[in-house]
C-alpha atoms as a PDB file:
ATOM      1  CA  UNK A   1    -154.381 185.902 167.647  1.00  0.00           C
ATOM      2  CA  UNK A   2    -154.231 188.196 165.153  1.00  0.00           C
ATOM      3  CA  UNK A   3    -156.112 187.214 161.909  1.00  0.00           C
ATOM      4  CA  UNK A   4    -153.764 189.471 159.824  1.00  0.00           C
ATOM      5  CA  UNK A   5    -150.311 189.760 161.359  1.00  0.00           C
ATOM      6  CA  UNK A   6    -148.383 192.031 158.386  1.00  0.00           C
ATOM      7  CA  UNK A   7    -151.087 194.030 157.415  1.00  0.00           C
ATOM      8  CA  UNK A   8    -152.352 197.448 158.540  1.00  0.00           C
ATOM      9  CA  UNK A   9    -156.579 197.915 158.796  1.00  0.00           C
ATOM     10  CA  UNK A  10    -156.465 200.134 155.404  1.00  0.00           C
ATOM     11  CA  UNK A  11    -154.511 197.390 153.425  1.00  0.00           C
ATOM     12  CA  UNK A  12    -156.755 194.759 154.548  1.00  0.00           C
ATOM     13  CA  UNK A  13    -159.979 196.961 153.792  1.00  0.00           C
ATOM     14  CA  UNK A  14    -158.300 197.658 150.267  1.00  0.00           C
ATOM     15  CA  UNK A  15    -157.599 194.441 149.527  1.00  0.00           C
ATOM     16  CA  UNK A  16    -160.663 192.495 150.824  1.00  0.00           C
ATOM     17  CA  UNK A  17    -163.672 195.050 150.356  1.00  0.00           C
ATOM     18  CA  UNK A  18    -162.415 197.110 147.307  1.00  0.00           C
ATOM     19  CA  UNK A  19    -160.680 194.249 145.229  1.00  0.00           C
ATOM     20  CA  UNK A  20    -162.385 191.675 146.167  1.00  0.00           C
ATOM     21  CA  UNK A  21    -165.847 192.812 146.915  1.00  0.00           C
ATOM     22  CA  UNK A  22    -165.732 195.117 143.784  1.00  0.00           C
ATOM     23  CA  UNK A  23    -165.133 191.651 141.798  1.00  0.00           C
ATOM     24  CA  UNK A  24    -167.769 190.110 143.846  1.00  0.00           C
ATOM     25  CA  UNK A  25    -170.340 193.109 142.925  1.00  0.00           C
ATOM     26  CA  UNK A  26    -169.526 192.649 139.358  1.00  0.00           C
ATOM     27  CA  UNK A  27    -170.171 188.823 139.509  1.00  0.00           C
ATOM     28  CA  UNK A  28    -173.468 189.199 141.438  1.00  0.00           C
ATOM     29  CA  UNK A  29    -174.424 191.303 138.261  1.00  0.00           C
ATOM     30  CA  UNK A  30    -173.080 189.057 135.609  1.00  0.00           C
ATOM     31  CA  UNK A  31    -174.881 186.112 137.118  1.00  0.00           C
ATOM     32  CA  UNK A  32    -177.938 187.801 137.750  1.00  0.00           C
ATOM     33  CA  UNK A  33    -178.088 189.246 133.855  1.00  0.00           C
ATOM     34  CA  UNK A  34    -177.847 185.706 132.547  1.00  0.00           C
ATOM     35  CA  UNK A  35    -180.914 184.580 134.710  1.00  0.00           C
ATOM     36  CA  UNK A  36    -178.745 181.721 136.377  1.00  0.00           C
ATOM     37  CA  UNK A  37    -179.673 181.121 140.315  1.00  0.00           C
ATOM     38  CA  UNK A  38    -178.667 182.612 143.190  1.00  0.00           C
ATOM     39  CA  UNK A  39    -176.367 179.623 144.329  1.00  0.00           C
ATOM     40  CA  UNK A  40    -174.116 180.361 141.281  1.00  0.00           C
ATOM     41  CA  UNK A  41    -173.159 183.582 142.915  1.00  0.00           C
ATOM     42  CA  UNK A  42    -172.699 181.974 146.107  1.00  0.00           C
ATOM     43  CA  UNK A  43    -170.414 179.216 144.648  1.00  0.00           C
ATOM     44  CA  UNK A  44    -168.979 181.526 142.588  1.00  0.00           C
ATOM     45  CA  UNK A  45    -167.376 182.859 145.224  1.00  0.00           C
ATOM     46  CA  UNK A  46    -165.279 180.205 146.786  1.00  0.00           C
ATOM     47  CA  UNK A  47    -162.561 180.780 143.908  1.00  0.00           C
ATOM     48  CA  UNK A  48    -162.445 184.377 144.490  1.00  0.00           C
ATOM     49  CA  UNK A  49    -162.117 184.375 148.026  1.00  0.00           C
ATOM     50  CA  UNK A  50    -158.971 182.178 146.986  1.00  0.00           C
ATOM     51  CA  UNK A  51    -157.604 184.728 145.023  1.00  0.00           C
ATOM     52  CA  UNK A  52    -158.401 187.498 147.509  1.00  0.00           C
ATOM     53  CA  UNK A  53    -156.279 185.286 150.078  1.00  0.00           C
ATOM     54  CA  UNK A  54    -153.354 185.169 147.646  1.00  0.00           C
ATOM     55  CA  UNK A  55    -153.280 188.830 147.094  1.00  0.00           C
ATOM     56  CA  UNK A  56    -152.647 188.876 151.067  1.00  0.00           C
ATOM     57  CA  UNK A  57    -149.658 186.501 150.940  1.00  0.00           C
ATOM     58  CA  UNK A  58    -148.486 187.737 147.631  1.00  0.00           C
ATOM     59  CA  UNK A  59    -148.580 191.445 148.324  1.00  0.00           C
ATOM     60  CA  UNK A  60    -148.067 191.478 152.300  1.00  0.00           C
ATOM     61  CA  UNK A  61    -146.647 188.110 153.233  1.00  0.00           C
ATOM     62  CA  UNK A  62    -149.406 186.907 155.132  1.00  0.00           C
ATOM     63  CA  UNK A  63    -150.068 183.008 155.515  1.00  0.00           C
ATOM     64  CA  UNK A  64    -151.647 181.594 152.549  1.00  0.00           C
ATOM     65  CA  UNK A  65    -153.834 178.963 153.810  1.00  0.00           C
ATOM     66  CA  UNK A  66    -155.135 180.330 156.856  1.00  0.00           C
ATOM     67  CA  UNK A  67    -158.765 178.885 157.027  1.00  0.00           C
ATOM     68  CA  UNK A  68    -160.315 181.303 159.790  1.00  0.00           C
ATOM     69  CA  UNK A  69    -159.145 184.399 157.660  1.00  0.00           C
ATOM     70  CA  UNK A  70    -160.179 182.762 154.200  1.00  0.00           C
ATOM     71  CA  UNK A  71    -164.006 181.797 155.825  1.00  0.00           C
ATOM     72  CA  UNK A  72    -164.464 185.317 156.964  1.00  0.00           C
ATOM     73  CA  UNK A  73    -163.107 186.935 153.522  1.00  0.00           C
ATOM     74  CA  UNK A  74    -165.012 184.602 151.591  1.00  0.00           C
ATOM     75  CA  UNK A  75    -168.528 185.226 153.549  1.00  0.00           C
ATOM     76  CA  UNK A  76    -168.103 188.852 153.052  1.00  0.00           C
ATOM     77  CA  UNK A  77    -167.398 187.986 149.457  1.00  0.00           C
ATOM     78  CA  UNK A  78    -170.664 185.990 149.558  1.00  0.00           C
ATOM     79  CA  UNK A  79    -172.676 188.394 151.215  1.00  0.00           C
ATOM     80  CA  UNK A  80    -171.515 191.182 148.348  1.00  0.00           C
ATOM     81  CA  UNK A  81    -172.148 188.655 145.552  1.00  0.00           C
ATOM     82  CA  UNK A  82    -175.684 187.893 146.743  1.00  0.00           C
ATOM     83  CA  UNK A  83    -176.752 191.230 147.292  1.00  0.00           C
ATOM     84  CA  UNK A  84    -175.424 192.744 144.075  1.00  0.00           C
ATOM     85  CA  UNK A  85    -177.255 189.630 142.632  1.00  0.00           C
ATOM     86  CA  UNK A  86    -180.937 190.175 144.457  1.00  0.00           C
ATOM     87  CA  UNK A  87    -180.575 194.169 143.168  1.00  0.00           C
ATOM     88  CA  UNK A  88    -179.773 192.952 139.610  1.00  0.00           C
ATOM     89  CA  UNK A  89    -182.819 190.653 139.487  1.00  0.00           C
ATOM     90  CA  UNK A  90    -185.330 193.267 141.275  1.00  0.00           C
ATOM     91  CA  UNK A  91    -184.440 195.562 138.430  1.00  0.00           C
ATOM     92  CA  UNK A  92    -184.553 192.934 135.707  1.00  0.00           C
ATOM     93  CA  UNK A  93    -188.197 191.659 136.792  1.00  0.00           C
ATOM     94  CA  UNK A  94    -189.494 195.248 137.045  1.00  0.00           C
ATOM     95  CA  UNK A  95    -187.964 196.208 133.873  1.00  0.00           C
ATOM     96  CA  UNK A  96    -188.581 193.213 131.673  1.00  0.00           C
ATOM     97  CA  UNK A  97    -191.933 192.486 132.986  1.00  0.00           C
ATOM     98  CA  UNK A  98    -193.362 196.314 133.638  1.00  0.00           C
ATOM     99  CA  UNK A  99    -196.454 195.064 133.426  1.00  0.00           C
ATOM    100  CA  UNK A 100    -196.980 192.194 135.479  1.00  0.00           C
ATOM    101  CA  UNK A 101    -194.465 193.727 138.470  1.00  0.00           C
ATOM    102  CA  UNK A 102    -193.187 196.866 140.038  1.00  0.00           C
ATOM    103  CA  UNK A 103    -190.675 198.059 142.529  1.00  0.00           C
ATOM    104  CA  UNK A 104    -190.972 196.756 146.224  1.00  0.00           C
ATOM    105  CA  UNK A 105    -187.802 198.515 148.148  1.00  0.00           C
ATOM    106  CA  UNK A 106    -184.057 198.335 146.596  1.00  0.00           C
ATOM    107  CA  UNK A 107    -184.165 194.132 146.410  1.00  0.00           C
ATOM    108  CA  UNK A 108    -187.554 193.490 145.723  1.00  0.00           C
ATOM    109  CA  UNK A 109    -190.104 193.325 143.309  1.00  0.00           C
ATOM    110  CA  UNK A 110    -194.089 192.552 144.015  1.00  0.00           C
ATOM    111  CA  UNK A 111    -197.508 192.241 141.783  1.00  0.00           C
ATOM    112  CA  UNK A 112    -198.862 195.283 140.414  1.00  0.00           C
ATOM    113  CA  UNK A 113    -202.154 196.192 142.030  1.00  0.00           C
ATOM    114  CA  UNK A 114    -203.446 196.656 138.242  1.00  0.00           C
ATOM    115  CA  UNK A 115    -201.378 192.816 136.927  1.00  0.00           C
ATOM    116  CA  UNK A 116    -203.946 190.484 134.730  1.00  0.00           C
ATOM    117  CA  UNK A 117    -205.503 188.087 136.583  1.00  0.00           C
ATOM    118  CA  UNK A 118    -204.895 184.305 136.458  1.00  0.00           C
ATOM    119  CA  UNK A 119    -207.124 182.305 134.127  1.00  0.00           C
END
């Protein structure tokens, strides 16, 4: 049984990755910029997954309530959102606390060697 019966691979990639992934990227960034937790970024992808499912249904006559496809699409959106969140949070920590932290790869930060010692 195919996950998408009425769509080509390009249509699936466009709707799920370009449209949905772009929204997930921006949502993860926005949630990180407001200093909320990463759990909020993951939970926010549940309704976005429904929206992506609706676009497949409305444009390409796919089945609206198809649980397996919804779970896969939502998992992709959660991954994109969480990566965007972590990247933004790492940039925030290094930029805002430049005297305490330094970059440690694209998704992390670490204590600077010359950071002040705890009292």
